[in-house]
Amino acid sequence: CRPRSYDKERRLSSQLQRNLRALAGPENRPLLKAINRGIEKESLRITPEGKLAQTPHPAALGSALTHSSITTDYSEALLEFITPVDPSIENSLETLADIHSYVYQQLDDEILWSASMPCVVSGEESIPVARYGSSNVARMKTVYRYGLGHRYGRLMQAIAGIHYNFSMPDAYWQDAWAADGSKGELKDYITDRYLGLIRNFHRYSWLLIYLYGASPAVCASFLRGRDNHGLIPFDKKGRSLHLPYGTALRMGDLGYNSDAQKSLKVCYNSLDNYMHALASAIVTPHPDYSAFKSGQDGQYEQLNDSLLQIENEFYSPIRPKRVARSGETPLSALCRGGIEYIEVRCVDVSPFTPVGLDGEQIRFMDSFLLYCLLQESPPCDEAEQAMLAANLEAVVNRGREPDLQLETMAGPLPMKRLAHGLLAKLEDVAALLDEAHGGDDYQRALLAQRAKVEDPETTPSARVLREMREKDLPFFRLAMSYSQQWGEHFRARELSADTRARFEEEARQSLQRQQEMEAAEDISFETYLTRFYDQYKALQPAAE
């Protein structure tokens, strides 16, 4: 990574104002109404008693391999719901609610867990690994998940989250590129701007963790047999473990974090740097993983013995993305066409809303991401990355701690002061979005976040602990209560005949597509993997 430019840092405000002025004209406001978003929401299937479901993925939901909106993540019991790309917040939330309603019609007495941290689990073997059929791509997905289980434990893989996909419309990029002189290729310009967004996101993502973290506690069953977790009992019975000022334990050492990956230096100053770092981690053997079979005698406990099996194993709160073609790796897709959209991965499932998030949160996140895109984004270096990682960890574990300080290039400063300063910079962005959409919903969303900064007790993480305390409920019982509430809500919610028919047809077609893929298979699994991994070798930098 190159050292950051302090000259550019001094011009951050003027750069933001210039970009805002470019969007403020009446002819450009429609561009802000065309911002695209997609939601990927994970939910565990559980029994009426609150234990992880051991049943296979319901056949009535179609094929988890090929269905466009209902699939599974790590486990057969970990459902993932996907909304199509849509510029309408209302449409996206309605579609997500429709998916929940349809799924509930197929679940019999099972329920969807309404929190990020898992329900009652009975050890590693109680978490069934997802299966996708007999095709090579299906087998690869399952072997990859077995590898994750060996490397990090299956318990970690039972944690659920929300991924939020965000992209600007094509017309915006055409106008912005022209305004900046139309230098180079458009796809490279778009990629560089999205990389700037990602760098800024890493600088400020601690704020999202504070505002929306909803996992300050876990069921004691999640950590049974593990003594080095650092959490403390919530009550005398030890039914729940927590951190008093914690916000999003899912984003800390208990969740999507890896000691092995801490040695991986991923730089977002250029797409080449990003691709080379991940490709190298995918093709270079890692001693810690040599004990698990990766093809010896035809047996696969993991895809390979490298630091990463595939790029999806790299855990990050945000990822650059492009839709890949059939058989194409995500990195190869980025190399081919550049960054198409970004995926935010640090959002907890809120137990307090039916689908895990709401329109107010989406509007604030859009303001936040647009700010990250429009603000100047100096190159990062390893020292800054280490500082930002420490800030994120501090907010994950101690975000509501009075007088918490975060590190900055100017030295430590109070988190509350930094949060208010950042929210102040979002005011013009939110106002611009309101001008485009009409009304004041974006500014109201921003105002609601100011209240959370002023009073930490109004944050979701504080609410979880407060309700556990006031209702005298362990985490499991509180989350179970909300899961049952939303289950009743979606079972009572009517689906239109057309919507129900559309889901039924998609389920039927997805099963047919899976069968066709299996029937058309004409190469061995070993050959398939060789061809797949050859793409990563092609991304390696040439030897000097």
Protein backbone atom coordinates (compact mmCIF):
# COMPACT_ATOMS: atom_id res chain seq x y z
CA CYS A 1 0.00 0.00 0.00
CA ARG A 2 1.18 3.49 -0.79
CA PRO A 3 1.45 6.08 2.00
CA ARG A 4 -1.61 8.28 2.33
CA SER A 5 -1.56 11.81 0.96
CA TYR A 6 -1.95 14.43 3.66
CA ASP A 7 -2.28 17.17 1.03
CA LYS A 8 -5.43 15.44 -0.22
CA GLU A 9 -6.68 14.98 3.32
CA ARG A 10 -6.72 18.76 3.79
CA ARG A 11 -9.01 19.12 0.76
CA LEU A 12 -11.66 16.62 1.87
CA SER A 13 -14.39 19.19 2.50
CA SER A 14 -13.95 21.01 -0.81
CA GLN A 15 -14.00 17.72 -2.72
CA LEU A 16 -17.27 16.73 -1.07
CA GLN A 17 -18.86 20.09 -1.78
CA ARG A 18 -17.80 19.95 -5.44
CA ASN A 19 -19.38 16.52 -5.87
CA LEU A 20 -22.55 17.60 -4.08
CA ARG A 21 -22.90 20.67 -6.30
CA ALA A 22 -22.59 18.47 -9.37
CA LEU A 23 -25.56 16.40 -8.17
CA ALA A 24 -27.66 19.31 -6.93
CA GLY A 25 -28.95 20.50 -10.31
CA PRO A 26 -32.55 19.57 -11.19
CA GLU A 27 -31.32 17.60 -14.19
CA ASN A 28 -29.17 15.38 -11.96
CA ARG A 29 -31.58 14.70 -9.10
CA PRO A 30 -33.18 11.74 -10.93
CA LEU A 31 -29.79 10.03 -10.66
CA LEU A 32 -30.20 9.89 -6.89
CA LYS A 33 -33.59 8.23 -7.27
CA ALA A 34 -31.93 5.54 -9.39
CA ILE A 35 -29.43 4.34 -6.75
CA ASN A 36 -29.63 0.55 -6.82
CA ARG A 37 -29.76 -1.69 -3.78
CA GLY A 38 -30.19 -5.34 -2.97
CA ILE A 39 -30.59 -7.12 0.37
CA GLU A 40 -29.31 -10.56 1.39
CA LYS A 41 -30.75 -11.59 4.75
CA GLU A 42 -29.82 -14.76 6.65
CA SER A 43 -32.10 -16.56 9.13
CA LEU A 44 -31.69 -19.84 10.99
CA ARG A 45 -34.54 -22.33 10.84
CA ILE A 46 -35.36 -23.48 14.36
CA THR A 47 -37.73 -25.93 16.04
CA PRO A 48 -40.67 -24.72 18.14
CA GLU A 49 -38.46 -25.39 21.17
CA GLY A 50 -35.79 -23.02 19.89
CA LYS A 51 -33.20 -25.56 18.79
CA LEU A 52 -31.44 -25.54 15.44
CA ALA A 53 -33.51 -27.42 12.85
CA GLN A 54 -31.98 -30.71 11.73
CA THR A 55 -34.32 -31.11 8.76
CA PRO A 56 -33.01 -30.65 5.21
CA HIS A 57 -33.74 -27.54 3.16
CA PRO A 58 -37.49 -27.78 2.41
CA ALA A 59 -38.10 -29.13 -1.09
CA ALA A 60 -41.06 -26.77 -1.48
CA LEU A 61 -38.59 -23.86 -1.42
CA GLY A 62 -36.87 -25.17 -4.55
CA SER A 63 -33.19 -25.71 -5.16
CA ALA A 64 -30.82 -23.85 -2.85
CA LEU A 65 -28.28 -24.02 -5.69
CA THR A 66 -30.27 -22.29 -8.41
CA HIS A 67 -33.18 -20.40 -6.79
CA SER A 68 -32.87 -16.67 -7.39
CA SER A 69 -34.20 -15.49 -4.02
CA ILE A 70 -34.18 -18.40 -1.52
CA THR A 71 -30.96 -20.27 -0.82
CA THR A 72 -28.80 -21.40 2.10
CA ASP A 73 -25.54 -20.10 3.50
CA TYR A 74 -23.27 -22.35 5.58
CA SER A 75 -25.85 -24.74 6.97
CA GLU A 76 -28.93 -26.52 5.68
CA ALA A 77 -30.67 -24.64 8.47
CA LEU A 78 -29.29 -21.20 7.60
CA LEU A 79 -31.64 -19.73 5.02
CA GLU A 80 -30.62 -16.74 2.92
CA PHE A 81 -33.19 -14.48 1.28
CA ILE A 82 -32.11 -12.32 -1.68
CA THR A 83 -33.98 -9.37 -3.16
CA PRO A 84 -33.39 -8.35 -6.79
CA VAL A 85 -31.60 -5.13 -7.65
CA ASP A 86 -34.12 -2.32 -7.20
CA PRO A 87 -33.96 1.49 -6.85
CA SER A 88 -37.04 1.48 -4.58
CA ILE A 89 -36.55 1.01 -0.85
CA GLU A 90 -40.24 0.20 -0.44
CA ASN A 91 -40.12 -2.46 -3.17
CA SER A 92 -37.03 -4.08 -1.66
CA LEU A 93 -38.58 -4.31 1.81
CA GLU A 94 -41.89 -5.55 0.40
CA THR A 95 -40.10 -8.24 -1.61
CA LEU A 96 -38.15 -9.32 1.46
CA ALA A 97 -41.38 -9.52 3.45
CA ASP A 98 -43.01 -11.56 0.66
CA ILE A 99 -40.13 -14.05 0.76
CA HIS A 100 -40.56 -14.43 4.52
CA SER A 101 -44.31 -14.95 4.12
CA TYR A 102 -43.90 -17.58 1.41
CA VAL A 103 -41.22 -19.44 3.36
CA TYR A 104 -43.42 -19.55 6.45
CA GLN A 105 -46.13 -21.23 4.36
CA GLN A 106 -43.67 -24.10 3.76
CA LEU A 107 -42.16 -24.48 7.22
CA ASP A 108 -44.90 -26.36 9.09
CA ASP A 109 -44.09 -25.67 12.75
CA GLU A 110 -40.52 -24.40 12.28
CA ILE A 111 -39.67 -20.75 12.97
CA LEU A 112 -37.09 -18.27 11.65
CA TRP A 113 -34.64 -17.06 14.29
CA SER A 114 -34.80 -13.26 14.52
CA ALA A 115 -31.28 -12.45 15.75
CA SER A 116 -27.72 -12.64 14.48
CA MET A 117 -26.26 -14.74 17.29
CA PRO A 118 -27.58 -18.32 17.21
CA CYS A 119 -30.33 -20.12 19.07
CA VAL A 120 -29.65 -23.11 21.33
CA VAL A 121 -26.93 -25.23 19.70
CA SER A 122 -25.66 -28.61 20.88
CA GLY A 123 -22.09 -28.51 19.69
CA GLU A 124 -20.42 -28.57 16.28
CA GLU A 125 -22.17 -31.68 14.99
CA SER A 126 -25.61 -30.16 15.56
CA ILE A 127 -24.99 -27.76 12.67
CA PRO A 128 -25.71 -29.59 9.39
CA VAL A 129 -23.58 -28.45 6.45
CA ALA A 130 -25.52 -27.22 3.42
CA ARG A 131 -25.88 -29.54 0.42
CA TYR A 132 -26.64 -28.51 -3.14
CA GLY A 133 -26.78 -31.67 -5.25
CA SER A 134 -24.32 -33.79 -7.23
CA SER A 135 -23.00 -31.35 -9.84
CA ASN A 136 -19.42 -30.14 -9.60
CA VAL A 137 -20.40 -26.62 -8.58
CA ALA A 138 -22.74 -28.08 -5.92
CA ARG A 139 -20.02 -30.37 -4.57
CA MET A 140 -17.58 -27.46 -4.51
CA LYS A 141 -19.98 -25.37 -2.41
CA THR A 142 -20.40 -28.17 0.12
CA VAL A 143 -16.68 -29.02 0.34
CA TYR A 144 -15.92 -25.33 0.83
CA ARG A 145 -18.27 -25.30 3.80
CA TYR A 146 -16.67 -28.39 5.31
CA GLY A 147 -13.36 -26.55 4.99
CA LEU A 148 -14.77 -23.55 6.84
CA GLY A 149 -15.95 -25.85 9.60
CA HIS A 150 -12.51 -27.40 9.99
CA ARG A 151 -10.74 -24.04 9.95
CA TYR A 152 -12.99 -21.89 12.11
CA GLY A 153 -15.54 -24.22 13.66
CA ARG A 154 -19.13 -24.71 12.61
CA LEU A 155 -20.49 -22.62 15.46
CA MET A 156 -19.12 -19.43 13.93
CA GLN A 157 -20.81 -20.32 10.66
CA ALA A 158 -24.24 -20.41 12.37
CA ILE A 159 -24.13 -16.65 12.94
CA ALA A 160 -26.53 -14.74 10.70
CA GLY A 161 -26.24 -11.26 9.19
CA ILE A 162 -27.51 -8.93 6.52
CA HIS A 163 -25.54 -8.01 3.41
CA TYR A 164 -26.48 -4.72 1.78
CA ASN A 165 -25.58 -4.20 -1.87
CA PHE A 166 -25.24 -0.64 -3.20
CA SER A 167 -24.46 0.81 -6.61
CA MET A 168 -24.83 4.07 -8.47
CA PRO A 169 -26.74 4.14 -11.79
CA ASP A 170 -24.86 3.98 -15.09
CA ALA A 171 -25.95 7.52 -16.00
CA TYR A 172 -24.27 8.87 -12.87
CA TRP A 173 -20.97 7.30 -13.85
CA GLN A 174 -21.17 8.65 -17.39
CA ASP A 175 -21.74 12.19 -16.08
CA ALA A 176 -19.09 11.96 -13.33
CA TRP A 177 -16.49 10.54 -15.71
CA ALA A 178 -17.16 13.33 -18.23
CA ALA A 179 -16.95 15.98 -15.47
CA ASP A 180 -13.57 14.58 -14.42
CA GLY A 181 -12.18 14.73 -17.95
CA SER A 182 -13.11 11.29 -19.36
CA LYS A 183 -9.58 10.04 -18.78
CA GLY A 184 -8.79 6.38 -19.30
CA GLU A 185 -11.56 3.81 -19.55
CA LEU A 186 -14.93 4.30 -17.88
CA LYS A 187 -14.76 0.93 -16.10
CA ASP A 188 -11.42 1.89 -14.52
CA TYR A 189 -12.84 5.23 -13.38
CA ILE A 190 -15.82 3.48 -11.77
CA THR A 191 -13.53 0.97 -10.09
CA ASP A 192 -11.27 3.68 -8.66
CA ARG A 193 -14.24 5.59 -7.29
CA TYR A 194 -15.70 2.47 -5.65
CA LEU A 195 -12.28 1.72 -4.14
CA GLY A 196 -12.35 5.22 -2.68
CA LEU A 197 -15.76 4.45 -1.19
CA ILE A 198 -14.36 1.24 0.33
CA ARG A 199 -11.38 3.04 1.88
CA ASN A 200 -13.68 5.64 3.43
CA PHE A 201 -16.04 2.93 4.60
CA HIS A 202 -13.20 1.32 6.53
CA ARG A 203 -12.44 4.72 8.08
CA TYR A 204 -15.99 5.28 9.29
CA SER A 205 -17.66 1.84 9.56
CA TRP A 206 -17.31 1.90 13.35
CA LEU A 207 -20.26 4.32 13.30
CA LEU A 208 -22.53 1.73 11.64
CA ILE A 209 -21.46 -0.84 14.24
CA TYR A 210 -22.39 1.55 17.04
CA LEU A 211 -25.71 2.61 15.51
CA TYR A 212 -26.99 -0.78 14.36
CA GLY A 213 -25.11 -3.43 16.33
CA ALA A 214 -27.70 -5.71 17.91
CA SER A 215 -25.59 -8.59 19.25
CA PRO A 216 -24.15 -7.65 22.67
CA ALA A 217 -25.05 -11.04 24.19
CA VAL A 218 -25.09 -14.73 23.29
CA CYS A 219 -26.70 -17.91 24.55
CA ALA A 220 -24.26 -19.74 26.83
CA SER A 221 -24.66 -22.87 24.65
CA PHE A 222 -22.83 -21.04 21.86
CA LEU A 223 -19.62 -20.91 23.92
CA ARG A 224 -19.91 -24.16 25.86
CA GLY A 225 -16.45 -25.70 26.21
CA ARG A 226 -14.68 -22.51 25.21
CA ASP A 227 -12.99 -20.58 28.03
CA ASN A 228 -11.09 -17.80 26.25
CA HIS A 229 -14.05 -15.81 24.97
CA GLY A 230 -13.70 -12.82 27.35
CA LEU A 231 -17.45 -12.46 27.92
CA ILE A 232 -19.05 -12.28 31.36
CA PRO A 233 -22.27 -13.92 32.64
CA PHE A 234 -25.34 -11.73 32.29
CA ASP A 235 -27.13 -13.25 35.28
CA LYS A 236 -26.35 -15.51 38.22
CA LYS A 237 -27.57 -18.59 36.36
CA GLY A 238 -25.05 -18.01 33.56
CA ARG A 239 -27.65 -18.63 30.84
CA SER A 240 -26.33 -15.71 28.78
CA LEU A 241 -22.90 -14.19 28.25
CA HIS A 242 -22.34 -10.58 27.25
CA LEU A 243 -20.14 -7.50 27.21
CA PRO A 244 -21.72 -4.62 29.18
CA TYR A 245 -20.88 -2.03 26.51
CA GLY A 246 -20.71 -4.41 23.55
CA THR A 247 -22.53 -3.60 20.31
CA ALA A 248 -21.97 -6.28 17.65
CA LEU A 249 -20.17 -9.37 18.95
CA ARG A 250 -20.84 -10.89 15.54
CA MET A 251 -18.16 -8.57 14.11
CA GLY A 252 -15.56 -9.43 16.76
CA ASP A 253 -13.47 -12.45 17.71
CA LEU A 254 -16.57 -14.56 18.33
CA GLY A 255 -17.86 -14.01 14.83
CA TYR A 256 -16.51 -13.31 11.39
CA ASN A 257 -12.91 -12.91 12.39
CA SER A 258 -9.86 -15.09 11.95
CA ASP A 259 -6.44 -15.07 13.59
CA ALA A 260 -4.95 -16.70 10.50
CA GLN A 261 -6.35 -13.99 8.24
CA LYS A 262 -4.87 -11.21 10.37
CA SER A 263 -1.59 -11.86 8.55
CA LEU A 264 -3.28 -11.15 5.22
CA LYS A 265 -2.51 -7.60 4.06
CA VAL A 266 -5.26 -6.56 1.68
CA CYS A 267 -4.92 -3.12 0.15
CA TYR A 268 -7.74 -1.13 -1.45
CA ASN A 269 -5.58 1.48 -3.18
CA SER A 270 -5.89 -0.33 -6.52
CA LEU A 271 -7.84 -3.27 -7.87
CA ASP A 272 -4.61 -5.00 -8.84
CA ASN A 273 -3.34 -4.83 -5.26
CA TYR A 274 -6.61 -6.27 -3.98
CA MET A 275 -6.75 -9.08 -6.54
CA HIS A 276 -3.10 -10.04 -6.20
CA ALA A 277 -3.31 -10.26 -2.41
CA LEU A 278 -6.35 -12.53 -2.46
CA ALA A 279 -5.20 -14.63 -5.42
CA SER A 280 -1.88 -15.25 -3.69
CA ALA A 281 -3.67 -16.30 -0.49
CA ILE A 282 -5.77 -18.76 -2.54
CA VAL A 283 -2.89 -20.50 -4.34
CA THR A 284 -0.21 -20.46 -1.61
CA PRO A 285 -0.27 -23.42 0.87
CA HIS A 286 -0.77 -22.54 4.54
CA PRO A 287 0.82 -24.92 7.08
CA ASP A 288 -2.06 -24.65 9.58
CA TYR A 289 -4.45 -26.28 7.10
CA SER A 290 -2.25 -29.08 5.76
CA ALA A 291 -3.84 -31.62 8.13
CA PHE A 292 -7.19 -31.55 6.28
CA LYS A 293 -7.50 -33.57 3.09
CA SER A 294 -7.95 -31.58 -0.11
CA GLY A 295 -8.13 -34.28 -2.78
CA GLN A 296 -5.76 -36.94 -1.46
CA ASP A 297 -7.21 -40.36 -2.36
CA GLY A 298 -10.22 -38.57 -3.75
CA GLN A 299 -11.24 -37.25 -0.33
CA TYR A 300 -12.05 -33.59 0.27
CA GLU A 301 -12.33 -32.04 3.71
CA GLN A 302 -11.54 -28.65 2.17
CA LEU A 303 -10.99 -27.30 -1.34
CA ASN A 304 -7.29 -26.59 -0.82
CA ASP A 305 -4.77 -26.09 1.97
CA SER A 306 -4.15 -22.41 1.27
CA LEU A 307 -4.90 -19.51 3.60
CA LEU A 308 -8.12 -19.00 1.62
CA GLN A 309 -10.05 -21.68 -0.23
CA ILE A 310 -11.79 -19.01 -2.34
CA GLU A 311 -12.06 -15.24 -2.02
CA ASN A 312 -15.40 -15.48 -0.16
CA GLU A 313 -13.46 -16.84 2.81
CA PHE A 314 -11.81 -13.44 3.29
CA TYR A 315 -13.87 -11.82 6.02
CA SER A 316 -14.30 -8.08 5.58
CA PRO A 317 -17.06 -5.62 6.51
CA ILE A 318 -17.28 -4.59 2.85
CA ARG A 319 -16.42 -6.22 -0.49
CA PRO A 320 -16.03 -5.01 -4.08
CA LYS A 321 -18.27 -7.09 -6.34
CA ARG A 322 -19.22 -7.88 -9.94
CA VAL A 323 -21.74 -10.45 -11.09
CA ALA A 324 -19.68 -13.44 -12.28
CA ARG A 325 -20.39 -15.52 -15.36
CA SER A 326 -20.93 -19.26 -15.15
CA GLY A 327 -17.72 -20.92 -13.93
CA GLU A 328 -15.97 -17.58 -13.43
CA THR A 329 -14.34 -16.74 -10.10
CA PRO A 330 -15.37 -13.48 -8.37
CA LEU A 331 -11.81 -12.14 -8.77
CA SER A 332 -11.78 -12.99 -12.47
CA ALA A 333 -15.07 -11.13 -12.86
CA LEU A 334 -13.54 -8.06 -11.21
CA CYS A 335 -10.50 -8.33 -13.47
CA ARG A 336 -12.71 -8.58 -16.55
CA GLY A 337 -15.12 -5.75 -15.89
CA GLY A 338 -14.06 -3.84 -12.78
CA ILE A 339 -16.19 -3.17 -9.71
CA GLU A 340 -19.94 -3.16 -10.39
CA TYR A 341 -21.27 -2.68 -6.86
CA ILE A 342 -20.21 -2.93 -3.24
CA GLU A 343 -21.47 -5.32 -0.59
CA VAL A 344 -21.74 -4.10 3.01
CA ARG A 345 -21.42 -7.07 5.37
CA CYS A 346 -21.39 -5.59 8.88
CA VAL A 347 -25.15 -5.27 9.46
CA ASP A 348 -26.66 -7.28 12.31
CA VAL A 349 -30.13 -8.80 12.05
CA SER A 350 -32.32 -6.62 14.25
CA PRO A 351 -34.78 -8.64 16.37
CA PHE A 352 -36.96 -5.53 16.66
CA THR A 353 -38.16 -5.41 13.03
CA PRO A 354 -39.98 -8.12 11.05
CA VAL A 355 -37.33 -8.57 8.33
CA GLY A 356 -34.26 -7.52 10.34
CA LEU A 357 -33.94 -3.92 9.11
CA ASP A 358 -36.25 -1.09 8.07
CA GLY A 359 -36.53 1.87 5.72
CA GLU A 360 -35.00 4.33 8.17
CA GLN A 361 -31.85 2.23 8.43
CA ILE A 362 -31.62 1.85 4.66
CA ARG A 363 -31.97 5.60 4.14
CA PHE A 364 -29.22 6.34 6.62
CA MET A 365 -26.96 3.70 5.08
CA ASP A 366 -27.55 5.21 1.64
CA SER A 367 -26.56 8.64 2.97
CA PHE A 368 -23.50 7.12 4.63
CA LEU A 369 -22.38 5.21 1.53
CA LEU A 370 -22.99 8.18 -0.77
CA TYR A 371 -20.88 10.31 1.56
CA CYS A 372 -18.10 7.70 1.42
CA LEU A 373 -18.28 7.84 -2.39
CA LEU A 374 -18.38 11.63 -2.77
CA GLN A 375 -15.80 12.48 -0.09
CA GLU A 376 -12.14 12.57 -1.02
CA SER A 377 -10.52 9.23 -0.15
CA PRO A 378 -6.73 9.35 0.26
CA PRO A 379 -4.75 6.14 -0.26
CA CYS A 380 -4.35 4.05 2.88
CA ASP A 381 -1.24 2.52 4.37
CA GLU A 382 -0.69 -0.33 6.79
CA ALA A 383 -0.41 1.98 9.80
CA GLU A 384 -3.81 3.50 9.08
CA GLN A 385 -5.35 0.09 8.44
CA ALA A 386 -4.10 -1.14 11.81
CA MET A 387 -5.53 1.96 13.50
CA LEU A 388 -8.93 1.47 11.81
CA ALA A 389 -9.02 -2.21 12.78
CA ALA A 390 -8.35 -1.23 16.40
CA ASN A 391 -11.15 1.36 16.29
CA LEU A 392 -13.59 -1.18 14.90
CA GLU A 393 -12.67 -3.69 17.61
CA ALA A 394 -13.10 -1.03 20.29
CA VAL A 395 -16.62 -0.15 19.13
CA VAL A 396 -17.58 -3.82 18.74
CA ASN A 397 -16.57 -4.58 22.33
CA ARG A 398 -16.97 -1.23 24.12
CA GLY A 399 -18.98 1.01 21.81
CA ARG A 400 -21.35 2.34 24.51
CA GLU A 401 -18.63 2.82 27.11
CA PRO A 402 -18.72 6.36 28.53
CA ASP A 403 -15.82 8.49 27.28
CA LEU A 404 -14.65 5.83 24.80
CA GLN A 405 -11.83 7.24 22.67
CA LEU A 406 -10.88 6.25 19.14
CA GLU A 407 -7.55 6.74 17.44
CA THR A 408 -7.17 9.34 14.69
CA MET A 409 -4.21 10.68 12.73
CA ALA A 410 -4.28 13.61 15.18
CA GLY A 411 -4.31 11.37 18.24
CA PRO A 412 -7.10 9.86 20.35
CA LEU A 413 -10.46 11.66 20.38
CA PRO A 414 -13.82 10.92 22.05
CA MET A 415 -15.97 8.61 19.95
CA LYS A 416 -19.03 10.75 20.66
CA ARG A 417 -17.30 13.83 19.27
CA LEU A 418 -16.15 11.93 16.18
CA ALA A 419 -19.64 10.52 15.63
CA HIS A 420 -21.34 13.92 15.84
CA GLY A 421 -18.72 15.37 13.50
CA LEU A 422 -19.31 12.63 10.94
CA LEU A 423 -23.09 12.97 11.18
CA ALA A 424 -22.75 16.71 10.60
CA LYS A 425 -20.92 15.98 7.34
CA LEU A 426 -23.81 13.76 6.24
CA GLU A 427 -26.36 16.58 6.55
CA ASP A 428 -25.87 17.93 3.04
CA VAL A 429 -25.96 14.41 1.59
CA ALA A 430 -29.24 13.58 3.34
CA ALA A 431 -30.74 16.93 2.29
CA LEU A 432 -29.78 16.28 -1.32
CA LEU A 433 -31.40 12.84 -1.24
CA ASP A 434 -34.56 14.39 0.22
CA GLU A 435 -34.63 16.96 -2.57
CA ALA A 436 -34.47 14.14 -5.11
CA HIS A 437 -37.12 11.96 -3.44
CA GLY A 438 -39.32 14.65 -1.93
CA GLY A 439 -40.11 14.87 1.76
CA ASP A 440 -37.63 14.69 4.62
CA ASP A 441 -37.23 10.96 5.27
CA TYR A 442 -33.44 10.98 4.83
CA GLN A 443 -32.94 13.90 7.20
CA ARG A 444 -35.28 12.27 9.72
CA ALA A 445 -33.19 9.09 9.51
CA LEU A 446 -30.08 11.15 10.19
CA LEU A 447 -31.76 12.86 13.15
CA ALA A 448 -32.62 9.47 14.65
CA GLN A 449 -28.94 8.48 14.56
CA ARG A 450 -27.96 11.71 16.33
CA ALA A 451 -30.24 10.68 19.18
CA LYS A 452 -28.42 7.34 19.46
CA VAL A 453 -25.07 9.09 19.69
CA GLU A 454 -26.38 11.45 22.34
CA ASP A 455 -27.98 8.66 24.36
CA PRO A 456 -26.36 5.20 23.99
CA GLU A 457 -29.36 3.63 25.73
CA THR A 458 -31.38 4.17 22.55
CA THR A 459 -29.10 1.92 20.46
CA PRO A 460 -30.30 -1.60 19.51
CA SER A 461 -27.51 -3.23 21.52
CA ALA A 462 -28.53 -1.35 24.66
CA ARG A 463 -32.17 -2.22 24.05
CA VAL A 464 -31.32 -5.95 23.87
CA LEU A 465 -29.60 -5.86 27.27
CA ARG A 466 -32.24 -3.59 28.81
CA GLU A 467 -35.11 -5.87 27.78
CA MET A 468 -33.20 -8.93 29.02
CA ARG A 469 -32.77 -7.19 32.36
CA GLU A 470 -36.27 -5.69 32.70
CA LYS A 471 -38.07 -8.86 31.57
CA ASP A 472 -35.68 -11.13 33.44
CA LEU A 473 -35.00 -13.13 30.28
CA PRO A 474 -31.79 -14.73 29.05
CA PHE A 475 -30.73 -13.84 25.51
CA PHE A 476 -32.24 -17.06 24.13
CA ARG A 477 -35.66 -16.37 25.64
CA LEU A 478 -35.71 -12.76 24.46
CA ALA A 479 -34.75 -13.66 20.90
CA MET A 480 -37.20 -16.60 20.96
CA SER A 481 -39.99 -14.23 21.97
CA TYR A 482 -39.32 -11.94 19.00
CA SER A 483 -38.91 -14.94 16.67
CA GLN A 484 -42.35 -16.21 17.67
CA GLN A 485 -43.84 -12.73 17.30
CA TRP A 486 -42.55 -12.28 13.76
CA GLY A 487 -43.46 -15.86 12.91
CA GLU A 488 -47.08 -15.12 13.79
CA HIS A 489 -46.84 -11.86 11.84
CA PHE A 490 -45.71 -13.54 8.63
CA ARG A 491 -48.04 -16.52 8.93
CA ALA A 492 -50.95 -14.08 9.17
CA ARG A 493 -49.68 -11.88 6.36
CA GLU A 494 -51.53 -12.46 3.10
CA LEU A 495 -49.68 -13.10 -0.15
CA SER A 496 -51.37 -12.21 -3.40
CA ALA A 497 -52.24 -15.14 -5.65
CA ASP A 498 -49.81 -13.84 -8.29
CA THR A 499 -46.95 -13.56 -5.80
CA ARG A 500 -47.57 -17.05 -4.44
CA ALA A 501 -47.74 -18.48 -7.97
CA ARG A 502 -44.50 -16.73 -8.89
CA PHE A 503 -42.66 -18.27 -5.93
CA GLU A 504 -44.09 -21.70 -6.71
CA GLU A 505 -43.00 -21.46 -10.33
CA GLU A 506 -39.50 -20.30 -9.35
CA ALA A 507 -39.20 -23.25 -6.97
CA ARG A 508 -40.21 -25.66 -9.74
CA GLN A 509 -37.87 -24.10 -12.29
CA SER A 510 -34.95 -24.03 -9.85
CA LEU A 511 -35.27 -27.77 -9.23
CA GLN A 512 -35.37 -28.33 -12.98
CA ARG A 513 -32.27 -26.20 -13.49
CA GLN A 514 -30.41 -28.21 -10.86
CA GLN A 515 -31.38 -31.48 -12.56
CA GLU A 516 -30.24 -30.14 -15.93
CA MET A 517 -26.88 -29.09 -14.47
CA GLU A 518 -26.36 -32.53 -12.97
CA ALA A 519 -27.31 -34.30 -16.20
CA ALA A 520 -24.98 -32.11 -18.28
CA GLU A 521 -21.90 -32.73 -16.09
CA ASP A 522 -19.13 -34.10 -18.30
CA ILE A 523 -15.88 -33.62 -16.36
CA SER A 524 -14.55 -34.97 -13.08
CA PHE A 525 -14.57 -32.93 -9.90
CA GLU A 526 -10.77 -32.86 -9.94
CA THR A 527 -10.72 -31.42 -13.47
CA TYR A 528 -13.37 -28.89 -12.52
CA LEU A 529 -11.31 -27.67 -9.56
CA THR A 530 -8.13 -27.51 -11.62
CA ARG A 531 -9.78 -25.30 -14.22
CA PHE A 532 -11.35 -23.17 -11.50
CA TYR A 533 -8.06 -22.57 -9.67
CA ASP A 534 -6.16 -21.91 -12.92
CA GLN A 535 -8.07 -18.63 -13.03
CA TYR A 536 -6.43 -17.51 -9.78
CA LYS A 537 -2.98 -18.46 -11.04
CA ALA A 538 -3.60 -16.23 -14.06
CA LEU A 539 -4.20 -13.30 -11.70
CA GLN A 540 -0.81 -13.66 -10.02
CA PRO A 541 1.61 -10.81 -10.76
CA ALA A 542 4.29 -11.70 -13.28
CA ALA A 543 7.67 -12.61 -11.80
CA GLU A 544 10.23 -9.82 -12.07
